[in-house]
């Protein structure tokens, strides 16, 4: 049993998958949807998993950094998959939130209506 809170954000950015056929093999843009969930077994003294304002700031700061960029260049990755992108976002958000005892941070990055990649790990 656990509690969770979450937010949804979005960002538009481009990437290319070198060596893949078009459209993936050519520079293209996605309107990514980003789901962030924080989960833990126990609530804090205020009765929360974490203050959603903290999560919102972390998500907004992260999406502002990558809005409109070439993800291959900005993330310094040859192949930016949704899985790798989710890990990068996770690491930024977890760092911004700091240690949240007993919490797991979960990120899903949707590149379309029905396709996503994700990453989850403890907050610290």
PDB file of N, CA and C in Angstrom:
ATOM      1  N   UNK A   1       0.835  -1.175   0.000  1.00  0.00           N
ATOM      2  CA  UNK A   1       0.000   0.000   0.000  1.00  0.00           C
ATOM      3  C   UNK A   1       0.879   1.236   0.000  1.00  0.00           C
ATOM      4  N   UNK A   2       0.462   2.216  -0.784  1.00  0.00           N
ATOM      5  CA  UNK A   2       1.232   3.460  -0.821  1.00  0.00           C
ATOM      6  C   UNK A   2       0.327   4.610  -1.251  1.00  0.00           C
ATOM      7  N   UNK A   3       0.820   5.808  -0.989  1.00  0.00           N
ATOM      8  CA  UNK A   3       0.156   7.039  -1.403  1.00  0.00           C
ATOM      9  C   UNK A   3       0.920   7.600  -2.596  1.00  0.00           C
ATOM     10  N   UNK A   4       0.233   8.393  -3.418  1.00  0.00           N
ATOM     11  CA  UNK A   4       0.923   9.036  -4.527  1.00  0.00           C
ATOM     12  C   UNK A   4       0.263  10.354  -4.876  1.00  0.00           C
ATOM     13  N   UNK A   5       1.070  11.245  -5.430  1.00  0.00           N
ATOM     14  CA  UNK A   5       0.601  12.493  -6.022  1.00  0.00           C
ATOM     15  C   UNK A   5       1.315  12.643  -7.350  1.00  0.00           C
ATOM     16  N   UNK A   6       0.745  13.455  -8.218  1.00  0.00           N
ATOM     17  CA  UNK A   6       1.384  13.624  -9.510  1.00  0.00           C
ATOM     18  C   UNK A   6       0.918  14.848 -10.243  1.00  0.00           C
ATOM     19  N   UNK A   7       1.677  15.170 -11.258  1.00  0.00           N
ATOM     20  CA  UNK A   7       1.381  16.298 -12.130  1.00  0.00           C
ATOM     21  C   UNK A   7       1.648  15.901 -13.573  1.00  0.00           C
ATOM     22  N   UNK A   8       1.029  16.635 -14.458  1.00  0.00           N
ATOM     23  CA  UNK A   8       1.249  16.443 -15.889  1.00  0.00           C
ATOM     24  C   UNK A   8       1.740  17.756 -16.465  1.00  0.00           C
ATOM     25  N   UNK A   9       2.771  17.679 -17.282  1.00  0.00           N
ATOM     26  CA  UNK A   9       3.281  18.853 -17.983  1.00  0.00           C
ATOM     27  C   UNK A   9       3.449  18.521 -19.448  1.00  0.00           C
ATOM     28  N   UNK A  10       3.913  19.489 -20.193  1.00  0.00           N
ATOM     29  CA  UNK A  10       4.157  19.249 -21.614  1.00  0.00           C
ATOM     30  C   UNK A  10       5.311  20.120 -22.076  1.00  0.00           C
ATOM     31  N   UNK A  11       5.912  19.665 -23.154  1.00  0.00           N
ATOM     32  CA  UNK A  11       7.004  20.423 -23.759  1.00  0.00           C
ATOM     33  C   UNK A  11       7.112  20.011 -25.220  1.00  0.00           C
ATOM     34  N   UNK A  12       7.461  20.967 -26.050  1.00  0.00           N
ATOM     35  CA  UNK A  12       7.698  20.700 -27.469  1.00  0.00           C
ATOM     36  C   UNK A  12       9.199  20.776 -27.700  1.00  0.00           C
ATOM     37  N   UNK A  13       9.736  19.712 -28.297  1.00  0.00           N
ATOM     38  CA  UNK A  13      11.167  19.652 -28.576  1.00  0.00           C
ATOM     39  C   UNK A  13      11.388  18.726 -29.769  1.00  0.00           C
ATOM     40  N   UNK A  14      12.579  18.794 -30.333  1.00  0.00           N
ATOM     41  CA  UNK A  14      12.876  17.973 -31.503  1.00  0.00           C
ATOM     42  C   UNK A  14      14.022  17.016 -31.217  1.00  0.00           C
ATOM     43  N   UNK A  15      14.117  16.001 -32.059  1.00  0.00           N
ATOM     44  CA  UNK A  15      15.235  15.058 -31.991  1.00  0.00           C
ATOM     45  C   UNK A  15      15.316  14.305 -33.308  1.00  0.00           C
ATOM     46  N   UNK A  16      16.337  13.496 -33.419  1.00  0.00           N
ATOM     47  CA  UNK A  16      16.521  12.638 -34.582  1.00  0.00           C
ATOM     48  C   UNK A  16      17.101  11.325 -34.079  1.00  0.00           C
ATOM     49  N   UNK A  17      16.739  10.236 -34.754  1.00  0.00           N
ATOM     50  CA  UNK A  17      17.289   8.919 -34.430  1.00  0.00           C
ATOM     51  C   UNK A  17      18.185   8.504 -35.596  1.00  0.00           C
ATOM     52  N   UNK A  18      19.478   8.824 -35.511  1.00  0.00           N
ATOM     53  CA  UNK A  18      20.390   8.519 -36.623  1.00  0.00           C
ATOM     54  C   UNK A  18      20.347   7.045 -37.009  1.00  0.00           C
ATOM     55  N   UNK A  19      20.319   6.809 -38.320  1.00  0.00           N
ATOM     56  CA  UNK A  19      20.325   5.449 -38.835  1.00  0.00           C
ATOM     57  C   UNK A  19      18.945   4.813 -38.968  1.00  0.00           C
ATOM     58  N   UNK A  20      17.928   5.490 -38.476  1.00  0.00           N
ATOM     59  CA  UNK A  20      16.562   4.986 -38.610  1.00  0.00           C
ATOM     60  C   UNK A  20      15.940   5.570 -39.870  1.00  0.00           C
ATOM     61  N   UNK A  21      14.959   4.861 -40.455  1.00  0.00           N
ATOM     62  CA  UNK A  21      14.276   5.429 -41.618  1.00  0.00           C
ATOM     63  C   UNK A  21      13.382   6.597 -41.196  1.00  0.00           C
ATOM     64  N   UNK A  22      13.020   7.460 -42.153  1.00  0.00           N
ATOM     65  CA  UNK A  22      12.107   8.557 -41.844  1.00  0.00           C
ATOM     66  C   UNK A  22      10.775   8.018 -41.334  1.00  0.00           C
ATOM     67  N   UNK A  23      10.092   8.705 -40.485  1.00  0.00           N
ATOM     68  CA  UNK A  23      10.418  10.046 -40.012  1.00  0.00           C
ATOM     69  C   UNK A  23      11.416  10.081 -38.857  1.00  0.00           C
ATOM     70  N   UNK A  24      11.650   8.932 -38.179  1.00  0.00           N
ATOM     71  CA  UNK A  24      12.545   8.934 -37.028  1.00  0.00           C
ATOM     72  C   UNK A  24      13.981   9.338 -37.384  1.00  0.00           C
ATOM     73  N   UNK A  25      14.418   8.967 -38.577  1.00  0.00           N
ATOM     74  CA  UNK A  25      15.791   9.232 -38.995  1.00  0.00           C
ATOM     75  C   UNK A  25      16.040  10.650 -39.458  1.00  0.00           C
ATOM     76  N   UNK A  26      15.009  11.477 -39.480  1.00  0.00           N
ATOM     77  CA  UNK A  26      15.152  12.885 -39.849  1.00  0.00           C
ATOM     78  C   UNK A  26      14.752  13.733 -38.648  1.00  0.00           C
ATOM     79  N   UNK A  27      15.295  14.950 -38.544  1.00  0.00           N
ATOM     80  CA  UNK A  27      14.879  15.817 -37.426  1.00  0.00           C
ATOM     81  C   UNK A  27      13.358  15.997 -37.440  1.00  0.00           C
ATOM     82  N   UNK A  28      12.753  15.788 -36.285  1.00  0.00           N
ATOM     83  CA  UNK A  28      11.303  15.939 -36.161  1.00  0.00           C
ATOM     84  C   UNK A  28      10.958  16.386 -34.745  1.00  0.00           C
ATOM     85  N   UNK A  29       9.762  16.899 -34.609  1.00  0.00           N
ATOM     86  CA  UNK A  29       9.323  17.495 -33.355  1.00  0.00           C
ATOM     87  C   UNK A  29       8.196  16.678 -32.741  1.00  0.00           C
ATOM     88  N   UNK A  30       8.207  16.634 -31.414  1.00  0.00           N
ATOM     89  CA  UNK A  30       7.116  16.008 -30.662  1.00  0.00           C
ATOM     90  C   UNK A  30       6.559  17.024 -29.672  1.00  0.00           C
ATOM     91  N   UNK A  31       5.285  16.921 -29.411  1.00  0.00           N
ATOM     92  CA  UNK A  31       4.667  17.608 -28.283  1.00  0.00           C
ATOM     93  C   UNK A  31       4.578  16.551 -27.184  1.00  0.00           C
ATOM     94  N   UNK A  32       5.606  16.528 -26.354  1.00  0.00           N
ATOM     95  CA  UNK A  32       5.701  15.513 -25.317  1.00  0.00           C
ATOM     96  C   UNK A  32       4.779  15.838 -24.143  1.00  0.00           C
ATOM     97  N   UNK A  33       4.119  14.822 -23.628  1.00  0.00           N
ATOM     98  CA  UNK A  33       3.380  14.932 -22.374  1.00  0.00           C
ATOM     99  C   UNK A  33       4.250  14.257 -21.315  1.00  0.00           C
ATOM    100  N   UNK A  34       4.395  14.898 -20.173  1.00  0.00           N
ATOM    101  CA  UNK A  34       5.252  14.378 -19.118  1.00  0.00           C
ATOM    102  C   UNK A  34       4.416  14.170 -17.859  1.00  0.00           C
ATOM    103  N   UNK A  35       4.346  12.932 -17.404  1.00  0.00           N
ATOM    104  CA  UNK A  35       3.655  12.591 -16.166  1.00  0.00           C
ATOM    105  C   UNK A  35       4.705  12.359 -15.085  1.00  0.00           C
ATOM    106  N   UNK A  36       4.555  13.037 -13.959  1.00  0.00           N
ATOM    107  CA  UNK A  36       5.457  12.863 -12.821  1.00  0.00           C
ATOM    108  C   UNK A  36       4.629  12.398 -11.637  1.00  0.00           C
ATOM    109  N   UNK A  37       5.041  11.295 -11.035  1.00  0.00           N
ATOM    110  CA  UNK A  37       4.361  10.751  -9.868  1.00  0.00           C
ATOM    111  C   UNK A  37       5.372  10.558  -8.751  1.00  0.00           C
ATOM    112  N   UNK A  38       4.984  10.975  -7.547  1.00  0.00           N
ATOM    113  CA  UNK A  38       5.792  10.742  -6.365  1.00  0.00           C
ATOM    114  C   UNK A  38       4.985   9.800  -5.478  1.00  0.00           C
ATOM    115  N   UNK A  39       5.610   8.713  -5.059  1.00  0.00           N
ATOM    116  CA  UNK A  39       4.922   7.690  -4.287  1.00  0.00           C
ATOM    117  C   UNK A  39       5.709   7.375  -3.023  1.00  0.00           C
ATOM    118  N   UNK A  40       4.989   7.190  -1.915  1.00  0.00           N
ATOM    119  CA  UNK A  40       5.634   6.708  -0.695  1.00  0.00           C
ATOM    120  C   UNK A  40       4.618   6.043   0.217  1.00  0.00           C
ATOM    121  N   UNK A  41       5.117   5.200   1.082  1.00  0.00           N
ATOM    122  CA  UNK A  41       4.248   4.410   1.960  1.00  0.00           C
ATOM    123  C   UNK A  41       3.606   5.239   3.062  1.00  0.00           C
ATOM    124  N   UNK A  42       4.316   6.243   3.549  1.00  0.00           N
ATOM    125  CA  UNK A  42       3.839   7.047   4.673  1.00  0.00           C
ATOM    126  C   UNK A  42       3.737   8.513   4.277  1.00  0.00           C
ATOM    127  N   UNK A  43       2.760   9.198   4.823  1.00  0.00           N
ATOM    128  CA  UNK A  43       2.622  10.637   4.599  1.00  0.00           C
ATOM    129  C   UNK A  43       3.536  11.394   5.555  1.00  0.00           C
ATOM    130  N   UNK A  44       3.880  12.624   5.190  1.00  0.00           N
ATOM    131  CA  UNK A  44       4.709  13.435   6.072  1.00  0.00           C
ATOM    132  C   UNK A  44       3.856  14.018   7.207  1.00  0.00           C
ATOM    133  N   UNK A  45       4.471  14.836   8.053  1.00  0.00           N
ATOM    134  CA  UNK A  45       3.768  15.402   9.211  1.00  0.00           C
ATOM    135  C   UNK A  45       2.588  16.287   8.817  1.00  0.00           C
ATOM    136  N   UNK A  46       2.604  16.825   7.607  1.00  0.00           N
ATOM    137  CA  UNK A  46       1.505  17.663   7.117  1.00  0.00           C
ATOM    138  C   UNK A  46       0.404  16.834   6.453  1.00  0.00           C
ATOM    139  N   UNK A  47       0.604  15.505   6.395  1.00  0.00           N
ATOM    140  CA  UNK A  47      -0.392  14.639   5.776  1.00  0.00           C
ATOM    141  C   UNK A  47      -0.278  14.554   4.265  1.00  0.00           C
ATOM    142  N   UNK A  48       0.934  14.815   3.726  1.00  0.00           N
ATOM    143  CA  UNK A  48       1.145  14.804   2.279  1.00  0.00           C
ATOM    144  C   UNK A  48       2.266  13.843   1.901  1.00  0.00           C
ATOM    145  N   UNK A  49       2.235  13.380   0.669  1.00  0.00           N
ATOM    146  CA  UNK A  49       3.373  12.669   0.099  1.00  0.00           C
ATOM    147  C   UNK A  49       4.506  13.673  -0.061  1.00  0.00           C
ATOM    148  N   UNK A  50       4.188  14.798  -0.685  1.00  0.00           N
ATOM    149  CA  UNK A  50       5.088  15.935  -0.877  1.00  0.00           C
ATOM    150  C   UNK A  50       4.200  17.102  -1.295  1.00  0.00           C
ATOM    151  N   UNK A  51       4.639  18.288  -1.011  1.00  0.00           N
ATOM    152  CA  UNK A  51       3.896  19.483  -1.426  1.00  0.00           C
ATOM    153  C   UNK A  51       3.910  19.555  -2.957  1.00  0.00           C
ATOM    154  N   UNK A  52       2.728  19.564  -3.558  1.00  0.00           N
ATOM    155  CA  UNK A  52       2.642  19.602  -5.023  1.00  0.00           C
ATOM    156  C   UNK A  52       3.275  20.856  -5.618  1.00  0.00           C
ATOM    157  N   UNK A  53       3.349  21.941  -4.861  1.00  0.00           N
ATOM    158  CA  UNK A  53       4.013  23.146  -5.370  1.00  0.00           C
ATOM    159  C   UNK A  53       5.493  22.887  -5.631  1.00  0.00           C
ATOM    160  N   UNK A  54       6.129  22.065  -4.796  1.00  0.00           N
ATOM    161  CA  UNK A  54       7.534  21.711  -5.016  1.00  0.00           C
ATOM    162  C   UNK A  54       7.691  20.905  -6.303  1.00  0.00           C
ATOM    163  N   UNK A  55       6.785  19.974  -6.507  1.00  0.00           N
ATOM    164  CA  UNK A  55       6.827  19.143  -7.720  1.00  0.00           C
ATOM    165  C   UNK A  55       6.573  20.016  -8.943  1.00  0.00           C
ATOM    166  N   UNK A  56       5.612  20.924  -8.839  1.00  0.00           N
ATOM    167  CA  UNK A  56       5.296  21.821  -9.955  1.00  0.00           C
ATOM    168  C   UNK A  56       6.511  22.674 -10.339  1.00  0.00           C
ATOM    169  N   UNK A  57       7.187  23.238  -9.339  1.00  0.00           N
ATOM    170  CA  UNK A  57       8.386  24.050  -9.634  1.00  0.00           C
ATOM    171  C   UNK A  57       9.448  23.219 -10.335  1.00  0.00           C
ATOM    172  N   UNK A  58       9.677  22.006  -9.848  1.00  0.00           N
ATOM    173  CA  UNK A  58      10.695  21.137 -10.459  1.00  0.00           C
ATOM    174  C   UNK A  58      10.335  20.795 -11.896  1.00  0.00           C
ATOM    175  N   UNK A  59       9.065  20.480 -12.132  1.00  0.00           N
ATOM    176  CA  UNK A  59       8.628  20.136 -13.486  1.00  0.00           C
ATOM    177  C   UNK A  59       8.696  21.347 -14.413  1.00  0.00           C
ATOM    178  N   UNK A  60       8.236  22.490 -13.954  1.00  0.00           N
ATOM    179  CA  UNK A  60       8.259  23.696 -14.790  1.00  0.00           C
ATOM    180  C   UNK A  60       9.686  24.130 -15.114  1.00  0.00           C
ATOM    181  N   UNK A  61      10.583  24.035 -14.151  1.00  0.00           N
ATOM    182  CA  UNK A  61      11.986  24.382 -14.397  1.00  0.00           C
ATOM    183  C   UNK A  61      12.592  23.449 -15.436  1.00  0.00           C
ATOM    184  N   UNK A  62      12.284  22.168 -15.314  1.00  0.00           N
ATOM    185  CA  UNK A  62      12.816  21.170 -16.249  1.00  0.00           C
ATOM    186  C   UNK A  62      12.273  21.379 -17.657  1.00  0.00           C
ATOM    187  N   UNK A  63      10.965  21.584 -17.782  1.00  0.00           N
ATOM    188  CA  UNK A  63      10.406  21.754 -19.125  1.00  0.00           C
ATOM    189  C   UNK A  63      10.851  23.076 -19.745  1.00  0.00           C
ATOM    190  N   UNK A  64      11.033  24.116 -18.940  1.00  0.00           N
ATOM    191  CA  UNK A  64      11.517  25.392 -19.483  1.00  0.00           C
ATOM    192  C   UNK A  64      12.916  25.228 -20.074  1.00  0.00           C
ATOM    193  N   UNK A  65      13.732  24.400 -19.459  1.00  0.00           N
ATOM    194  CA  UNK A  65      15.104  24.176 -19.934  1.00  0.00           C
ATOM    195  C   UNK A  65      15.137  23.523 -21.308  1.00  0.00           C
ATOM    196  N   UNK A  66      14.150  22.695 -21.617  1.00  0.00           N
ATOM    197  CA  UNK A  66      14.199  21.924 -22.864  1.00  0.00           C
ATOM    198  C   UNK A  66      13.167  22.355 -23.900  1.00  0.00           C
ATOM    199  N   UNK A  67      12.391  23.377 -23.600  1.00  0.00           N
ATOM    200  CA  UNK A  67      11.363  23.831 -24.529  1.00  0.00           C
ATOM    201  C   UNK A  67      11.990  24.347 -25.822  1.00  0.00           C
ATOM    202  N   UNK A  68      11.602  23.730 -26.939  1.00  0.00           N
ATOM    203  CA  UNK A  68      12.046  24.181 -28.245  1.00  0.00           C
ATOM    204  C   UNK A  68      13.458  23.777 -28.641  1.00  0.00           C
ATOM    205  N   UNK A  69      14.131  22.968 -27.835  1.00  0.00           N
ATOM    206  CA  UNK A  69      15.521  22.625 -28.125  1.00  0.00           C
ATOM    207  C   UNK A  69      15.631  21.366 -28.987  1.00  0.00           C
ATOM    208  N   UNK A  70      16.821  21.162 -29.499  1.00  0.00           N
ATOM    209  CA  UNK A  70      17.206  19.907 -30.135  1.00  0.00           C
ATOM    210  C   UNK A  70      17.676  19.003 -28.994  1.00  0.00           C
ATOM    211  N   UNK A  71      16.904  17.982 -28.685  1.00  0.00           N
ATOM    212  CA  UNK A  71      17.219  17.132 -27.538  1.00  0.00           C
ATOM    213  C   UNK A  71      18.536  16.386 -27.699  1.00  0.00           C
ATOM    214  N   UNK A  72      18.876  15.966 -28.918  1.00  0.00           N
ATOM    215  CA  UNK A  72      20.143  15.271 -29.116  1.00  0.00           C
ATOM    216  C   UNK A  72      21.308  16.141 -28.652  1.00  0.00           C
ATOM    217  N   UNK A  73      21.245  17.408 -29.034  1.00  0.00           N
ATOM    218  CA  UNK A  73      22.308  18.340 -28.671  1.00  0.00           C
ATOM    219  C   UNK A  73      22.251  18.690 -27.186  1.00  0.00           C
ATOM    220  N   UNK A  74      21.073  19.047 -26.695  1.00  0.00           N
ATOM    221  CA  UNK A  74      20.946  19.515 -25.316  1.00  0.00           C
ATOM    222  C   UNK A  74      21.241  18.411 -24.297  1.00  0.00           C
ATOM    223  N   UNK A  75      20.760  17.207 -24.557  1.00  0.00           N
ATOM    224  CA  UNK A  75      20.983  16.099 -23.638  1.00  0.00           C
ATOM    225  C   UNK A  75      22.305  15.392 -23.910  1.00  0.00           C
ATOM    226  N   UNK A  76      22.978  15.804 -24.976  1.00  0.00           N
ATOM    227  CA  UNK A  76      24.251  15.227 -25.401  1.00  0.00           C
ATOM    228  C   UNK A  76      24.141  13.713 -25.576  1.00  0.00           C
ATOM    229  N   UNK A  77      23.104  13.321 -26.341  1.00  0.00           N
ATOM    230  CA  UNK A  77      22.866  11.911 -26.651  1.00  0.00           C
ATOM    231  C   UNK A  77      22.719  11.743 -28.150  1.00  0.00           C
ATOM    232  N   UNK A  78      23.319  10.700 -28.665  1.00  0.00           N
ATOM    233  CA  UNK A  78      23.160  10.406 -30.094  1.00  0.00           C
ATOM    234  C   UNK A  78      21.732   9.975 -30.394  1.00  0.00           C
ATOM    235  N   UNK A  79      21.162   9.119 -29.538  1.00  0.00           N
ATOM    236  CA  UNK A  79      19.807   8.609 -29.742  1.00  0.00           C
ATOM    237  C   UNK A  79      18.964   8.923 -28.512  1.00  0.00           C
ATOM    238  N   UNK A  80      18.080   9.876 -28.661  1.00  0.00           N
ATOM    239  CA  UNK A  80      17.179  10.252 -27.570  1.00  0.00           C
ATOM    240  C   UNK A  80      15.895   9.456 -27.719  1.00  0.00           C
ATOM    241  N   UNK A  81      15.798   8.382 -26.960  1.00  0.00           N
ATOM    242  CA  UNK A  81      14.578   7.584 -26.925  1.00  0.00           C
ATOM    243  C   UNK A  81      13.693   8.115 -25.799  1.00  0.00           C
ATOM    244  N   UNK A  82      12.427   7.734 -25.783  1.00  0.00           N
ATOM    245  CA  UNK A  82      11.558   8.192 -24.687  1.00  0.00           C
ATOM    246  C   UNK A  82      12.028   7.625 -23.349  1.00  0.00           C
ATOM    247  N   UNK A  83      12.630   6.445 -23.368  1.00  0.00           N
ATOM    248  CA  UNK A  83      13.154   5.866 -22.129  1.00  0.00           C
ATOM    249  C   UNK A  83      14.311   6.710 -21.577  1.00  0.00           C
ATOM    250  N   UNK A  84      15.243   7.063 -22.440  1.00  0.00           N
ATOM    251  CA  UNK A  84      16.380   7.886 -22.004  1.00  0.00           C
ATOM    252  C   UNK A  84      15.933   9.294 -21.616  1.00  0.00           C
ATOM    253  N   UNK A  85      14.986   9.828 -22.349  1.00  0.00           N
ATOM    254  CA  UNK A  85      14.452  11.155 -22.048  1.00  0.00           C
ATOM    255  C   UNK A  85      13.753  11.135 -20.684  1.00  0.00           C
ATOM    256  N   UNK A  86      12.986  10.076 -20.402  1.00  0.00           N
ATOM    257  CA  UNK A  86      12.318   9.941 -19.104  1.00  0.00           C
ATOM    258  C   UNK A  86      13.345   9.877 -17.976  1.00  0.00           C
ATOM    259  N   UNK A  87      14.443   9.172 -18.178  1.00  0.00           N
ATOM    260  CA  UNK A  87      15.500   9.086 -17.160  1.00  0.00           C
ATOM    261  C   UNK A  87      16.115  10.458 -16.913  1.00  0.00           C
ATOM    262  N   UNK A  88      16.370  11.194 -17.979  1.00  0.00           N
ATOM    263  CA  UNK A  88      16.963  12.530 -17.848  1.00  0.00           C
ATOM    264  C   UNK A  88      16.027  13.443 -17.056  1.00  0.00           C
ATOM    265  N   UNK A  89      14.738  13.422 -17.399  1.00  0.00           N
ATOM    266  CA  UNK A  89      13.765  14.249 -16.682  1.00  0.00           C
ATOM    267  C   UNK A  89      13.676  13.805 -15.224  1.00  0.00           C
ATOM    268  N   UNK A  90      13.612  12.512 -14.990  1.00  0.00           N
ATOM    269  CA  UNK A  90      13.577  11.979 -13.628  1.00  0.00           C
ATOM    270  C   UNK A  90      14.737  12.529 -12.805  1.00  0.00           C
ATOM    271  N   UNK A  91      15.937  12.432 -13.349  1.00  0.00           N
ATOM    272  CA  UNK A  91      17.116  12.860 -12.606  1.00  0.00           C
ATOM    273  C   UNK A  91      17.056  14.342 -12.268  1.00  0.00           C
ATOM    274  N   UNK A  92      16.582  15.178 -13.179  1.00  0.00           N
ATOM    275  CA  UNK A  92      16.437  16.615 -12.930  1.00  0.00           C
ATOM    276  C   UNK A  92      15.421  16.877 -11.824  1.00  0.00           C
ATOM    277  N   UNK A  93      14.284  16.220 -11.912  1.00  0.00           N
ATOM    278  CA  UNK A  93      13.227  16.438 -10.931  1.00  0.00           C
ATOM    279  C   UNK A  93      13.642  15.905  -9.557  1.00  0.00           C
ATOM    280  N   UNK A  94      14.210  14.713  -9.515  1.00  0.00           N
ATOM    281  CA  UNK A  94      14.659  14.144  -8.239  1.00  0.00           C
ATOM    282  C   UNK A  94      15.702  15.040  -7.585  1.00  0.00           C
ATOM    283  N   UNK A  95      16.613  15.583  -8.375  1.00  0.00           N
ATOM    284  CA  UNK A  95      17.633  16.491  -7.841  1.00  0.00           C
ATOM    285  C   UNK A  95      16.978  17.750  -7.284  1.00  0.00           C
ATOM    286  N   UNK A  96      16.020  18.304  -8.003  1.00  0.00           N
ATOM    287  CA  UNK A  96      15.346  19.522  -7.553  1.00  0.00           C
ATOM    288  C   UNK A  96      14.553  19.283  -6.266  1.00  0.00           C
ATOM    289  N   UNK A  97      13.972  18.105  -6.114  1.00  0.00           N
ATOM    290  CA  UNK A  97      13.162  17.801  -4.934  1.00  0.00           C
ATOM    291  C   UNK A  97      14.022  17.463  -3.717  1.00  0.00           C
ATOM    292  N   UNK A  98      15.225  16.982  -3.957  1.00  0.00           N
ATOM    293  CA  UNK A  98      16.077  16.578  -2.850  1.00  0.00           C
ATOM    294  C   UNK A  98      15.594  15.262  -2.262  1.00  0.00           C
ATOM    295  N   UNK A  99      16.075  14.960  -1.076  1.00  0.00           N
ATOM    296  CA  UNK A  99      15.721  13.703  -0.425  1.00  0.00           C
ATOM    297  C   UNK A  99      14.308  13.776   0.137  1.00  0.00           C
ATOM    298  N   UNK A 100      13.458  12.915  -0.360  1.00  0.00           N
ATOM    299  CA  UNK A 100      12.103  12.764   0.170  1.00  0.00           C
ATOM    300  C   UNK A 100      12.076  11.349   0.749  1.00  0.00           C
ATOM    301  N   UNK A 101      12.196  11.222   2.068  1.00  0.00           N
ATOM    302  CA  UNK A 101      12.357   9.898   2.684  1.00  0.00           C
ATOM    303  C   UNK A 101      11.303   8.889   2.237  1.00  0.00           C
ATOM    304  N   UNK A 102      11.791   7.749   1.751  1.00  0.00           N
ATOM    305  CA  UNK A 102      10.914   6.661   1.360  1.00  0.00           C
ATOM    306  C   UNK A 102      10.165   6.859   0.062  1.00  0.00           C
ATOM    307  N   UNK A 103      10.495   7.893  -0.689  1.00  0.00           N
ATOM    308  CA  UNK A 103       9.735   8.197  -1.907  1.00  0.00           C
ATOM    309  C   UNK A 103      10.368   7.598  -3.150  1.00  0.00           C
ATOM    310  N   UNK A 104       9.504   7.267  -4.096  1.00  0.00           N
ATOM    311  CA  UNK A 104       9.920   6.875  -5.436  1.00  0.00           C
ATOM    312  C   UNK A 104       9.392   7.929  -6.402  1.00  0.00           C
ATOM    313  N   UNK A 105      10.254   8.363  -7.307  1.00  0.00           N
ATOM    314  CA  UNK A 105       9.865   9.323  -8.350  1.00  0.00           C
ATOM    315  C   UNK A 105       9.694   8.539  -9.637  1.00  0.00           C
ATOM    316  N   UNK A 106       8.525   8.695 -10.266  1.00  0.00           N
ATOM    317  CA  UNK A 106       8.215   7.985 -11.512  1.00  0.00           C
ATOM    318  C   UNK A 106       7.910   9.020 -12.593  1.00  0.00           C
ATOM    319  N   UNK A 107       8.530   8.842 -13.747  1.00  0.00           N
ATOM    320  CA  UNK A 107       8.306   9.751 -14.875  1.00  0.00           C
ATOM    321  C   UNK A 107       7.905   8.927 -16.090  1.00  0.00           C
ATOM    322  N   UNK A 108       6.860   9.376 -16.759  1.00  0.00           N
ATOM    323  CA  UNK A 108       6.479   8.832 -18.057  1.00  0.00           C
ATOM    324  C   UNK A 108       6.504   9.963 -19.061  1.00  0.00           C
ATOM    325  N   UNK A 109       7.111   9.692 -20.205  1.00  0.00           N
ATOM    326  CA  UNK A 109       7.160  10.659 -21.299  1.00  0.00           C
ATOM    327  C   UNK A 109       6.372  10.069 -22.458  1.00  0.00           C
ATOM    328  N   UNK A 110       5.318  10.779 -22.836  1.00  0.00           N
ATOM    329  CA  UNK A 110       4.456  10.356 -23.936  1.00  0.00           C
ATOM    330  C   UNK A 110       4.859  11.121 -25.189  1.00  0.00           C
ATOM    331  N   UNK A 111       5.178  10.393 -26.267  1.00  0.00           N
ATOM    332  CA  UNK A 111       5.507  11.068 -27.524  1.00  0.00           C
ATOM    333  C   UNK A 111       4.330  11.062 -28.483  1.00  0.00           C
ATOM    334  N   UNK A 112       3.234  10.489 -28.060  1.00  0.00           N
ATOM    335  CA  UNK A 112       2.006  10.452 -28.844  1.00  0.00           C
ATOM    336  C   UNK A 112       0.866  10.039 -27.940  1.00  0.00           C
ATOM    337  N   UNK A 113      -0.318   9.937 -28.508  1.00  0.00           N
ATOM    338  CA  UNK A 113      -1.494   9.563 -27.713  1.00  0.00           C
ATOM    339  C   UNK A 113      -1.354   8.220 -27.023  1.00  0.00           C
ATOM    340  N   UNK A 114      -0.644   7.291 -27.677  1.00  0.00           N
ATOM    341  CA  UNK A 114      -0.629   5.925 -27.178  1.00  0.00           C
ATOM    342  C   UNK A 114       0.771   5.347 -26.994  1.00  0.00           C
ATOM    343  N   UNK A 115       1.789   6.187 -26.922  1.00  0.00           N
ATOM    344  CA  UNK A 115       3.152   5.675 -26.823  1.00  0.00           C
ATOM    345  C   UNK A 115       3.953   6.461 -25.786  1.00  0.00           C
ATOM    346  N   UNK A 116       4.537   5.726 -24.839  1.00  0.00           N
ATOM    347  CA  UNK A 116       5.326   6.376 -23.799  1.00  0.00           C
ATOM    348  C   UNK A 116       6.520   5.510 -23.422  1.00  0.00           C
ATOM    349  N   UNK A 117       7.464   6.151 -22.746  1.00  0.00           N
ATOM    350  CA  UNK A 117       8.571   5.478 -22.096  1.00  0.00           C
ATOM    351  C   UNK A 117       8.657   6.027 -20.692  1.00  0.00           C
ATOM    352  N   UNK A 118       9.212   5.258 -19.781  1.00  0.00           N
ATOM    353  CA  UNK A 118       9.235   5.718 -18.400  1.00  0.00           C
ATOM    354  C   UNK A 118      10.476   5.300 -17.660  1.00  0.00           C
ATOM    355  N   UNK A 119      10.606   5.910 -16.470  1.00  0.00           N
ATOM    356  CA  UNK A 119      11.716   5.585 -15.581  1.00  0.00           C
ATOM    357  C   UNK A 119      11.276   5.905 -14.156  1.00  0.00           C
ATOM    358  N   UNK A 120      11.617   5.018 -13.220  1.00  0.00           N
ATOM    359  CA  UNK A 120      11.331   5.288 -11.820  1.00  0.00           C
ATOM    360  C   UNK A 120      12.493   4.812 -10.955  1.00  0.00           C
ATOM    361  N   UNK A 121      12.704   5.533  -9.864  1.00  0.00           N
ATOM    362  CA  UNK A 121      13.781   5.206  -8.931  1.00  0.00           C
ATOM    363  C   UNK A 121      13.533   5.993  -7.638  1.00  0.00           C
ATOM    364  N   UNK A 122      14.179   5.579  -6.560  1.00  0.00           N
ATOM    365  CA  UNK A 122      14.058   6.333  -5.307  1.00  0.00           C
ATOM    366  C   UNK A 122      14.481   7.784  -5.494  1.00  0.00           C
ATOM    367  N   UNK A 123      13.924   8.645  -4.657  1.00  0.00           N
ATOM    368  CA  UNK A 123      14.167  10.094  -4.809  1.00  0.00           C
ATOM    369  C   UNK A 123      15.589  10.499  -4.529  1.00  0.00           C
ATOM    370  N   UNK A 124      16.282   9.780  -3.675  1.00  0.00           N
ATOM    371  CA  UNK A 124      17.651  10.202  -3.322  1.00  0.00           C
ATOM    372  C   UNK A 124      18.691   9.404  -4.058  1.00  0.00           C
TER     373      UNK A 124
END
